[in-house]
Amino acid sequence: MAWNEPGGNPKDPWGGNNRGNNNRGNNGNNGGGGNQPPDLDQAIKELMNKLSGLFGGGNNNNGSGSQGSGGGSGMFAIAAVIFAIVLLFQSVYTLDEKEQGVVLRLGEYIKTEDPGLRFKIPFIDTVIPVTTTTIRSAEVRERMLTQDENIVEVEMNLQYQVFDPVAYSLRIARPEHTILVAGQSALRHEVGSMRMDAILTIGRVELASKIEQRLQEYLDRYQTGMRLTNVNIKDTRPPAPVSAAFDDVQKAKQDKERIINEAQAYANAVIPEARGRAQRLREDAEAYKQRVVVEAEGEAARFMSLYSEYRLAPKVMRERMYIDAISNVYNQATKVMVDVEGGNNMMYIPLDQLMKNMPQVQGSALSANDVSRLTDQVLQEVRTRQGSTNTTTTNTIRREGR
């Protein structure tokens, strides 16, 4: 049965049975007190009496005056305890290892606290925790004009770190928004000063470096307390409507570069060879020049020496020169006609010259039979020619006699 049902409940948490009895004793018109719900004011008063007893308040049985005094002191003690607890929680705070605390006293900057357990003046000091060791990131995506008046889309990632928590928390209202706006401004400035081909191909690293330098200048000028750690150009591409045409242009440029590289490779292979041949021809010509000059100088010197000797003994030198010239001629001739005064001419065939001019058989010398057979042929040829010569002479003489 519930405690508030008719008949009462001996385990009424509000003390309903006793209250009902007291009410019946005090007011006879209020019948059935055990069946009435507990009075809220009475319950609060009983709770205050119990708390007053715990904190040294007066007893309820001492009368109404002492009861009022004990309740007032109990309330004051409770309020003091609650206020002390609030002050304790407001005076102590903890900063993480990644944070630094900016302390403001009545809105004025006082100091910067390091990580750890710290204390402050409650309700007067305000602490702004700032994370200074974490690398933060921001994404920037823009469509803009290039120097050659083309449109390009650029996606950029900014990574930065807070190095001055005071400037970061007090000098700018929205740091994350500030770095985004400054990044967009730096990106537009650098993209507008470059050509589209460079941005889409080989100029992305240079573009990132220029953006990082310019954006850091902006952040320092605004006193944001932020330092860039990395600027990464994630993607650069033309707008979607012209993407197909741009791909065709890029393929044509790649073909152009490939053909240029092939031609350059061919030139690198041919030009050194041609230069080598030209250098060899120049060296051969120089050697020929030096040889001809030296030979001419030698011939001139020999002529001058012969001329000197000729002036001393002209007759002797003439005979000597004649003999040298005849010797040179005979050395190169294979047949010699000997004019005999008062007789028939005779042909002289030097066998030693014939032997030199005949080819060697498998690198070996002629045998004795070959020499004998060759000699017989030579003698037969001599006799034949002598006979024809005699016949010609006789016919000539006969014609003259007639």
Protein backbone atom coordinates (compact mmCIF):
# COMPACT_ATOMS: atom_id res chain seq x y z
CA MET A 1 0.00 0.00 0.00
CA ALA A 2 1.33 3.48 -0.91
CA TRP A 3 2.28 5.87 1.85
CA ASN A 4 -0.29 8.47 0.72
CA GLU A 5 -3.22 6.05 0.48
CA PRO A 6 -6.02 6.10 3.09
CA GLY A 7 -4.95 4.52 6.32
CA GLY A 8 -1.53 6.15 6.36
CA ASN A 9 1.90 4.56 6.08
CA PRO A 10 4.15 4.11 9.08
CA LYS A 11 7.17 4.58 6.81
CA ASP A 12 6.11 7.95 5.47
CA PRO A 13 9.38 9.75 4.49
CA TRP A 14 7.85 13.12 5.26
CA GLY A 15 6.72 12.09 8.70
CA GLY A 16 3.10 12.30 7.67
CA ASN A 17 1.75 10.28 10.65
CA ASN A 18 3.27 12.52 13.27
CA ARG A 19 2.29 15.63 11.39
CA GLY A 20 -1.23 14.35 11.14
CA ASN A 21 -1.40 13.71 14.90
CA ASN A 22 0.00 17.12 15.69
CA ASN A 23 -2.48 18.75 13.40
CA ARG A 24 -5.30 16.95 15.04
CA GLY A 25 -4.11 18.09 18.38
CA ASN A 26 -3.74 21.68 17.26
CA ASN A 27 -6.77 21.91 15.10
CA GLY A 28 -9.65 19.71 15.77
CA ASN A 29 -11.41 20.79 12.61
CA ASN A 30 -8.77 19.19 10.43
CA GLY A 31 -9.79 15.61 10.53
CA GLY A 32 -8.03 12.67 9.02
CA GLY A 33 -4.55 14.26 9.24
CA GLY A 34 -2.78 11.01 8.43
CA ASN A 35 -4.41 10.94 5.06
CA GLN A 36 -3.18 14.48 4.00
CA PRO A 37 0.04 15.03 1.93
CA PRO A 38 2.97 16.62 3.77
CA ASP A 39 3.27 20.40 3.95
CA LEU A 40 6.19 21.71 1.81
CA ASP A 41 7.04 24.57 4.15
CA GLN A 42 7.15 22.20 7.08
CA ALA A 43 9.44 19.81 5.20
CA ILE A 44 11.89 22.63 4.34
CA LYS A 45 11.85 23.83 7.92
CA GLU A 46 12.65 20.36 9.22
CA LEU A 47 15.52 20.05 6.72
CA MET A 48 16.94 23.41 7.87
CA ASN A 49 16.67 22.30 11.47
CA LYS A 50 18.68 19.17 10.73
CA LEU A 51 21.36 21.15 8.90
CA SER A 52 21.48 23.67 11.75
CA GLY A 53 22.05 20.82 14.13
CA LEU A 54 24.94 19.56 12.04
CA PHE A 55 26.62 23.00 11.95
CA GLY A 56 26.02 23.80 15.62
CA GLY A 57 22.57 25.37 15.38
CA GLY A 58 19.98 25.38 18.19
CA ASN A 59 17.48 22.57 18.99
CA ASN A 60 13.94 22.71 17.78
CA ASN A 61 12.59 21.95 21.25
CA ASN A 62 13.97 25.22 22.71
CA GLY A 63 11.14 27.33 21.49
CA SER A 64 10.39 29.41 18.46
CA GLY A 65 13.01 32.11 19.24
CA SER A 66 15.91 29.71 19.49
CA GLN A 67 14.63 27.82 16.50
CA GLY A 68 14.74 30.98 14.33
CA SER A 69 18.24 31.87 15.50
CA GLY A 70 19.56 28.36 14.79
CA GLY A 71 18.01 28.35 11.31
CA GLY A 72 19.62 31.70 10.39
CA SER A 73 23.08 30.60 11.51
CA GLY A 74 22.72 27.30 9.66
CA MET A 75 21.82 29.05 6.44
CA PHE A 76 24.80 31.35 6.80
CA ALA A 77 27.11 28.38 7.37
CA ILE A 78 25.76 26.55 4.34
CA ALA A 79 26.18 29.65 2.19
CA ALA A 80 29.74 30.08 3.47
CA VAL A 81 30.63 26.50 2.63
CA ILE A 82 29.14 26.74 -0.82
CA PHE A 83 30.95 30.03 -1.44
CA ALA A 84 34.25 28.53 -0.27
CA ILE A 85 33.82 25.57 -2.64
CA VAL A 86 33.05 27.89 -5.54
CA LEU A 87 36.08 30.03 -4.72
CA LEU A 88 38.28 26.94 -4.63
CA PHE A 89 37.11 25.75 -8.03
CA GLN A 90 37.43 29.23 -9.48
CA SER A 91 40.96 29.70 -8.15
CA VAL A 92 42.57 26.54 -9.56
CA TYR A 93 42.96 25.61 -13.20
CA THR A 94 45.17 23.26 -15.23
CA LEU A 95 46.95 23.85 -18.55
CA ASP A 96 47.72 20.92 -20.84
CA GLU A 97 51.26 20.27 -22.11
CA LYS A 98 50.24 21.59 -25.53
CA GLU A 99 48.78 24.81 -24.13
CA GLN A 100 49.81 28.17 -22.75
CA GLY A 101 47.48 30.38 -20.76
CA VAL A 102 46.95 34.09 -21.42
CA VAL A 103 45.91 35.67 -18.09
CA LEU A 104 43.71 38.78 -18.10
CA ARG A 105 42.93 40.77 -14.96
CA LEU A 106 39.79 42.81 -15.37
CA GLY A 107 40.29 42.56 -19.14
CA GLU A 108 43.97 43.68 -19.09
CA TYR A 109 46.78 41.33 -20.08
CA ILE A 110 48.93 40.36 -17.08
CA LYS A 111 51.09 37.35 -17.97
CA THR A 112 51.38 34.10 -19.90
CA GLU A 113 51.31 30.86 -17.92
CA ASP A 114 53.11 27.63 -18.86
CA PRO A 115 51.51 24.15 -18.68
CA GLY A 116 50.71 22.74 -15.25
CA LEU A 117 48.51 23.44 -12.20
CA ARG A 118 47.97 27.19 -11.85
CA PHE A 119 46.10 29.62 -9.59
CA LYS A 120 44.16 32.81 -10.32
CA ILE A 121 42.03 35.37 -8.52
CA PRO A 122 38.44 34.22 -8.78
CA PHE A 123 35.99 36.39 -10.67
CA ILE A 124 38.79 38.87 -11.45
CA ASP A 125 41.31 36.96 -13.53
CA THR A 126 40.38 35.34 -16.85
CA VAL A 127 42.55 32.64 -18.48
CA ILE A 128 42.49 32.00 -22.23
CA PRO A 129 44.14 28.64 -23.04
CA VAL A 130 45.92 28.60 -26.43
CA THR A 131 47.34 25.46 -28.08
CA THR A 132 50.87 26.32 -29.25
CA THR A 133 52.49 23.00 -30.21
CA THR A 134 49.83 21.54 -32.50
CA ILE A 135 50.20 21.94 -36.26
CA ARG A 136 46.95 23.37 -37.57
CA SER A 137 45.75 23.30 -41.16
CA ALA A 138 43.47 25.29 -43.42
CA GLU A 139 42.16 24.56 -46.91
CA VAL A 140 41.94 27.21 -49.63
CA ARG A 141 40.28 26.63 -53.01
CA GLU A 142 39.98 29.44 -55.53
CA ARG A 143 39.26 30.03 -59.23
CA MET A 144 41.22 32.99 -60.60
CA LEU A 145 42.86 34.61 -63.62
CA THR A 146 46.48 34.02 -64.60
CA GLN A 147 48.92 36.46 -66.19
CA ASP A 148 47.97 35.32 -69.71
CA GLU A 149 44.25 35.84 -68.91
CA ASN A 150 43.34 32.18 -68.48
CA ILE A 151 41.17 30.79 -65.69
CA VAL A 152 42.66 28.17 -63.38
CA GLU A 153 41.42 26.40 -60.25
CA VAL A 154 43.91 25.95 -57.41
CA GLU A 155 43.55 23.87 -54.24
CA MET A 156 46.00 24.78 -51.48
CA ASN A 157 46.69 23.41 -48.01
CA LEU A 158 48.13 25.69 -45.32
CA GLN A 159 49.84 24.30 -42.23
CA TYR A 160 50.65 26.74 -39.43
CA GLN A 161 51.51 26.94 -35.74
CA VAL A 162 50.84 29.50 -33.01
CA PHE A 163 54.09 30.93 -31.65
CA ASP A 164 52.69 34.02 -29.86
CA PRO A 165 49.57 33.14 -27.83
CA VAL A 166 49.05 36.75 -26.73
CA ALA A 167 48.86 38.11 -30.28
CA TYR A 168 46.82 35.11 -31.40
CA SER A 169 44.17 35.51 -28.70
CA LEU A 170 44.04 39.32 -28.25
CA ARG A 171 45.08 41.11 -31.46
CA ILE A 172 42.74 39.42 -33.95
CA ALA A 173 39.11 38.45 -33.48
CA ARG A 174 38.94 35.34 -35.70
CA PRO A 175 42.40 33.86 -36.37
CA GLU A 176 41.19 30.96 -38.53
CA HIS A 177 39.16 33.28 -40.75
CA THR A 178 42.08 35.71 -40.93
CA ILE A 179 44.54 33.15 -42.24
CA LEU A 180 42.00 31.93 -44.83
CA VAL A 181 41.41 35.46 -46.16
CA ALA A 182 45.15 36.23 -46.16
CA GLY A 183 45.86 32.93 -47.95
CA GLN A 184 43.30 33.74 -50.65
CA SER A 185 44.85 37.17 -51.15
CA ALA A 186 48.40 35.77 -51.45
CA LEU A 187 47.21 33.04 -53.81
CA ARG A 188 45.47 35.49 -56.14
CA HIS A 189 48.49 37.78 -56.20
CA GLU A 190 50.98 35.05 -57.13
CA VAL A 191 48.72 33.25 -59.61
CA GLY A 192 47.98 36.54 -61.34
CA SER A 193 51.72 37.05 -61.94
CA MET A 194 52.37 33.63 -63.53
CA ARG A 195 51.38 31.98 -66.80
CA MET A 196 48.88 29.15 -66.88
CA ASP A 197 51.31 26.60 -68.37
CA ALA A 198 53.80 27.11 -65.57
CA ILE A 199 51.09 26.83 -62.90
CA LEU A 200 49.75 23.57 -64.31
CA THR A 201 53.12 21.90 -65.01
CA ILE A 202 56.53 22.76 -63.64
CA GLY A 203 55.77 25.95 -61.69
CA ARG A 204 53.79 24.51 -58.77
CA VAL A 205 56.79 24.31 -56.42
CA GLU A 206 57.80 27.86 -57.25
CA LEU A 207 54.21 29.01 -56.76
CA ALA A 208 54.01 27.38 -53.31
CA SER A 209 57.28 29.01 -52.25
CA LYS A 210 56.14 32.48 -53.32
CA ILE A 211 52.76 32.07 -51.61
CA GLU A 212 54.41 30.99 -48.36
CA GLN A 213 56.70 33.99 -48.36
CA ARG A 214 53.94 36.49 -49.13
CA LEU A 215 51.41 34.97 -46.74
CA GLN A 216 53.92 35.01 -43.87
CA GLU A 217 54.49 38.70 -44.56
CA TYR A 218 50.74 39.28 -44.28
CA LEU A 219 50.50 37.35 -40.98
CA ASP A 220 53.43 39.26 -39.49
CA ARG A 221 51.96 42.58 -40.62
CA TYR A 222 48.62 41.74 -39.01
CA GLN A 223 50.40 40.55 -35.80
CA THR A 224 48.48 37.29 -35.76
CA GLY A 225 51.07 35.32 -33.78
CA MET A 226 50.97 32.51 -36.38
CA ARG A 227 53.89 31.02 -38.31
CA LEU A 228 53.53 28.95 -41.48
CA THR A 229 55.20 25.55 -41.48
CA ASN A 230 54.22 24.35 -44.95
CA VAL A 231 52.28 25.46 -48.03
CA ASN A 232 51.24 22.66 -50.35
CA ILE A 233 49.61 23.14 -53.76
CA LYS A 234 47.38 20.08 -53.85
CA ASP A 235 45.96 20.50 -57.34
CA THR A 236 45.92 22.93 -60.24
CA ARG A 237 43.55 22.40 -63.14
CA PRO A 238 41.58 24.31 -65.75
CA PRO A 239 37.84 24.76 -65.33
CA ALA A 240 35.69 21.75 -66.15
CA PRO A 241 34.08 23.18 -69.34
CA VAL A 242 37.47 23.58 -71.06
CA SER A 243 39.20 20.57 -69.54
CA ALA A 244 38.98 18.42 -72.72
CA ALA A 245 40.43 21.13 -74.94
CA PHE A 246 43.16 21.80 -72.43
CA ASP A 247 44.09 18.10 -72.38
CA ASP A 248 44.48 18.18 -76.16
CA VAL A 249 46.74 21.20 -75.91
CA GLN A 250 48.84 19.48 -73.27
CA LYS A 251 49.20 16.37 -75.43
CA ALA A 252 50.35 18.51 -78.35
CA LYS A 253 52.90 20.21 -76.12
CA GLN A 254 54.16 16.86 -74.90
CA ASP A 255 54.57 15.67 -78.50
CA LYS A 256 56.45 18.87 -79.23
CA GLU A 257 58.77 18.33 -76.30
CA ARG A 258 59.33 14.71 -77.33
CA ILE A 259 60.26 15.65 -80.90
CA ILE A 260 62.57 18.39 -79.66
CA ASN A 261 64.28 15.94 -77.33
CA GLU A 262 64.72 13.40 -80.12
CA ALA A 263 66.19 16.04 -82.42
CA GLN A 264 68.48 17.21 -79.66
CA ALA A 265 69.65 13.64 -79.07
CA TYR A 266 70.35 13.20 -82.79
CA ALA A 267 72.25 16.49 -82.84
CA ASN A 268 74.26 15.43 -79.82
CA ALA A 269 75.22 12.22 -81.63
CA VAL A 270 76.03 13.75 -85.05
CA ILE A 271 77.67 17.03 -84.16
CA PRO A 272 80.56 15.57 -82.12
CA GLU A 273 81.31 13.09 -84.91
CA ALA A 274 81.33 15.84 -87.53
CA ARG A 275 83.54 17.96 -85.33
CA GLY A 276 85.91 15.03 -84.93
CA ARG A 277 86.14 14.54 -88.70
CA ALA A 278 86.70 18.25 -89.23
CA GLN A 279 89.41 18.28 -86.62
CA ARG A 280 91.09 15.28 -88.26
CA LEU A 281 90.98 16.97 -91.68
CA ARG A 282 92.49 20.11 -90.21
CA GLU A 283 95.26 18.11 -88.60
CA ASP A 284 95.95 16.19 -91.86
CA ALA A 285 96.06 19.44 -93.80
CA GLU A 286 98.41 20.93 -91.24
CA ALA A 287 100.65 17.86 -91.44
CA TYR A 288 100.62 17.97 -95.26
CA LYS A 289 101.45 21.65 -95.16
CA GLN A 290 104.37 21.09 -92.84
CA ARG A 291 105.63 18.14 -94.94
CA VAL A 292 105.44 20.08 -98.21
CA VAL A 293 107.13 23.10 -96.67
CA VAL A 294 109.89 20.96 -95.19
CA GLU A 295 110.43 19.11 -98.50
CA ALA A 296 110.49 22.39 -100.41
CA GLU A 297 112.93 23.86 -97.94
CA GLY A 298 115.08 20.70 -98.25
CA GLU A 299 114.98 20.82 -102.05
CA ALA A 300 115.87 24.49 -101.98
CA ALA A 301 118.75 23.85 -99.61
CA ARG A 302 119.99 20.95 -101.78
CA PHE A 303 119.73 23.09 -104.91
CA MET A 304 121.66 25.90 -103.27
CA SER A 305 124.40 23.49 -102.19
CA LEU A 306 124.59 22.01 -105.70
CA TYR A 307 124.63 25.47 -107.18
CA SER A 308 127.54 26.42 -104.98
CA GLU A 309 129.48 23.35 -106.08
CA TYR A 310 128.48 23.94 -109.70
CA ARG A 311 129.93 27.42 -109.64
CA LEU A 312 133.24 26.00 -108.43
CA ALA A 313 133.45 23.17 -111.06
CA PRO A 314 130.73 23.42 -113.71
CA LYS A 315 131.98 20.63 -116.00
CA VAL A 316 132.36 18.08 -113.23
CA MET A 317 128.99 18.93 -111.76
CA ARG A 318 127.28 18.66 -115.17
CA GLU A 319 128.65 15.14 -115.67
CA ARG A 320 127.77 14.15 -112.16
CA MET A 321 124.24 15.48 -112.52
CA TYR A 322 123.87 13.68 -115.87
CA ILE A 323 125.00 10.40 -114.34
CA ASP A 324 122.60 10.79 -111.41
CA ALA A 325 119.69 11.53 -113.72
CA ILE A 326 120.47 8.54 -115.99
CA SER A 327 120.80 6.31 -112.93
CA ASN A 328 117.38 7.34 -111.71
CA VAL A 329 115.87 6.70 -115.11
CA TYR A 330 117.48 3.27 -115.44
CA ASN A 331 116.38 2.26 -111.98
CA GLN A 332 112.75 2.79 -112.97
CA ALA A 333 112.94 1.26 -116.49
CA THR A 334 112.35 -2.42 -117.33
CA LYS A 335 113.83 -2.21 -120.84
CA VAL A 336 116.96 -0.45 -122.02
CA MET A 337 117.92 0.24 -125.64
CA VAL A 338 121.68 0.34 -126.15
CA ASP A 339 122.79 2.36 -129.17
CA VAL A 340 126.03 0.86 -130.48
CA GLU A 341 128.05 3.15 -132.67
CA GLY A 342 128.76 1.53 -136.04
CA GLY A 343 126.60 -1.50 -135.29
CA ASN A 344 123.12 -2.68 -134.52
CA ASN A 345 121.15 -1.41 -131.55
CA MET A 346 120.75 -3.84 -128.72
CA MET A 347 117.94 -4.12 -126.23
CA TYR A 348 118.98 -4.72 -122.67
CA ILE A 349 116.44 -6.19 -120.30
CA PRO A 350 117.49 -6.04 -116.65
CA LEU A 351 116.44 -9.32 -115.08
CA ASP A 352 116.72 -7.98 -111.58
CA GLN A 353 114.02 -5.39 -112.35
CA LEU A 354 111.81 -8.04 -113.96
CA MET A 355 112.21 -10.24 -110.90
CA LYS A 356 111.11 -7.38 -108.68
CA ASN A 357 108.02 -6.67 -110.78
CA MET A 358 106.89 -10.31 -111.06
CA PRO A 359 104.43 -11.41 -108.40
CA GLN A 360 105.50 -13.94 -105.83
CA VAL A 361 103.75 -17.31 -105.85
CA GLN A 362 102.37 -17.91 -102.37
CA GLY A 363 105.12 -15.75 -100.90
CA SER A 364 108.03 -18.02 -102.14
CA ALA A 365 110.94 -17.19 -104.58
CA LEU A 366 111.18 -18.48 -108.17
CA SER A 367 112.72 -21.85 -108.65
CA ALA A 368 115.72 -22.57 -110.90
CA ASN A 369 113.51 -23.96 -113.68
CA ASP A 370 111.41 -20.80 -113.67
CA VAL A 371 114.51 -18.65 -113.97
CA SER A 372 115.88 -20.83 -116.84
CA ARG A 373 112.59 -20.77 -118.72
CA LEU A 374 112.32 -17.02 -118.25
CA THR A 375 115.85 -16.56 -119.52
CA ASP A 376 115.12 -18.60 -122.63
CA GLN A 377 112.07 -16.53 -123.37
CA VAL A 378 114.04 -13.33 -122.98
CA LEU A 379 116.79 -14.54 -125.33
CA GLN A 380 114.23 -15.63 -127.90
CA GLU A 381 112.58 -12.23 -127.72
CA VAL A 382 115.96 -10.53 -128.16
CA ARG A 383 116.83 -12.62 -131.22
CA THR A 384 113.44 -11.96 -132.75
CA ARG A 385 113.74 -8.25 -132.31
CA GLN A 386 117.35 -8.22 -133.57
CA GLY A 387 116.29 -10.16 -136.67
CA SER A 388 113.50 -7.75 -137.39
CA THR A 389 115.88 -4.87 -136.86
CA ASN A 390 118.47 -6.33 -139.30
CA THR A 391 115.78 -6.94 -141.90
CA THR A 392 114.57 -3.39 -141.58
CA THR A 393 118.13 -2.07 -141.90
CA THR A 394 118.85 -4.19 -145.05
CA ASN A 395 115.66 -3.04 -146.72
CA THR A 396 116.57 0.54 -145.94
CA ILE A 397 120.04 0.15 -147.41
CA ARG A 398 118.63 -1.46 -150.58
CA ARG A 399 116.19 1.34 -151.05
CA GLU A 400 118.97 3.85 -150.68
CA GLY A 401 121.14 1.97 -153.32
CA ARG A 402 118.39 1.99 -155.80
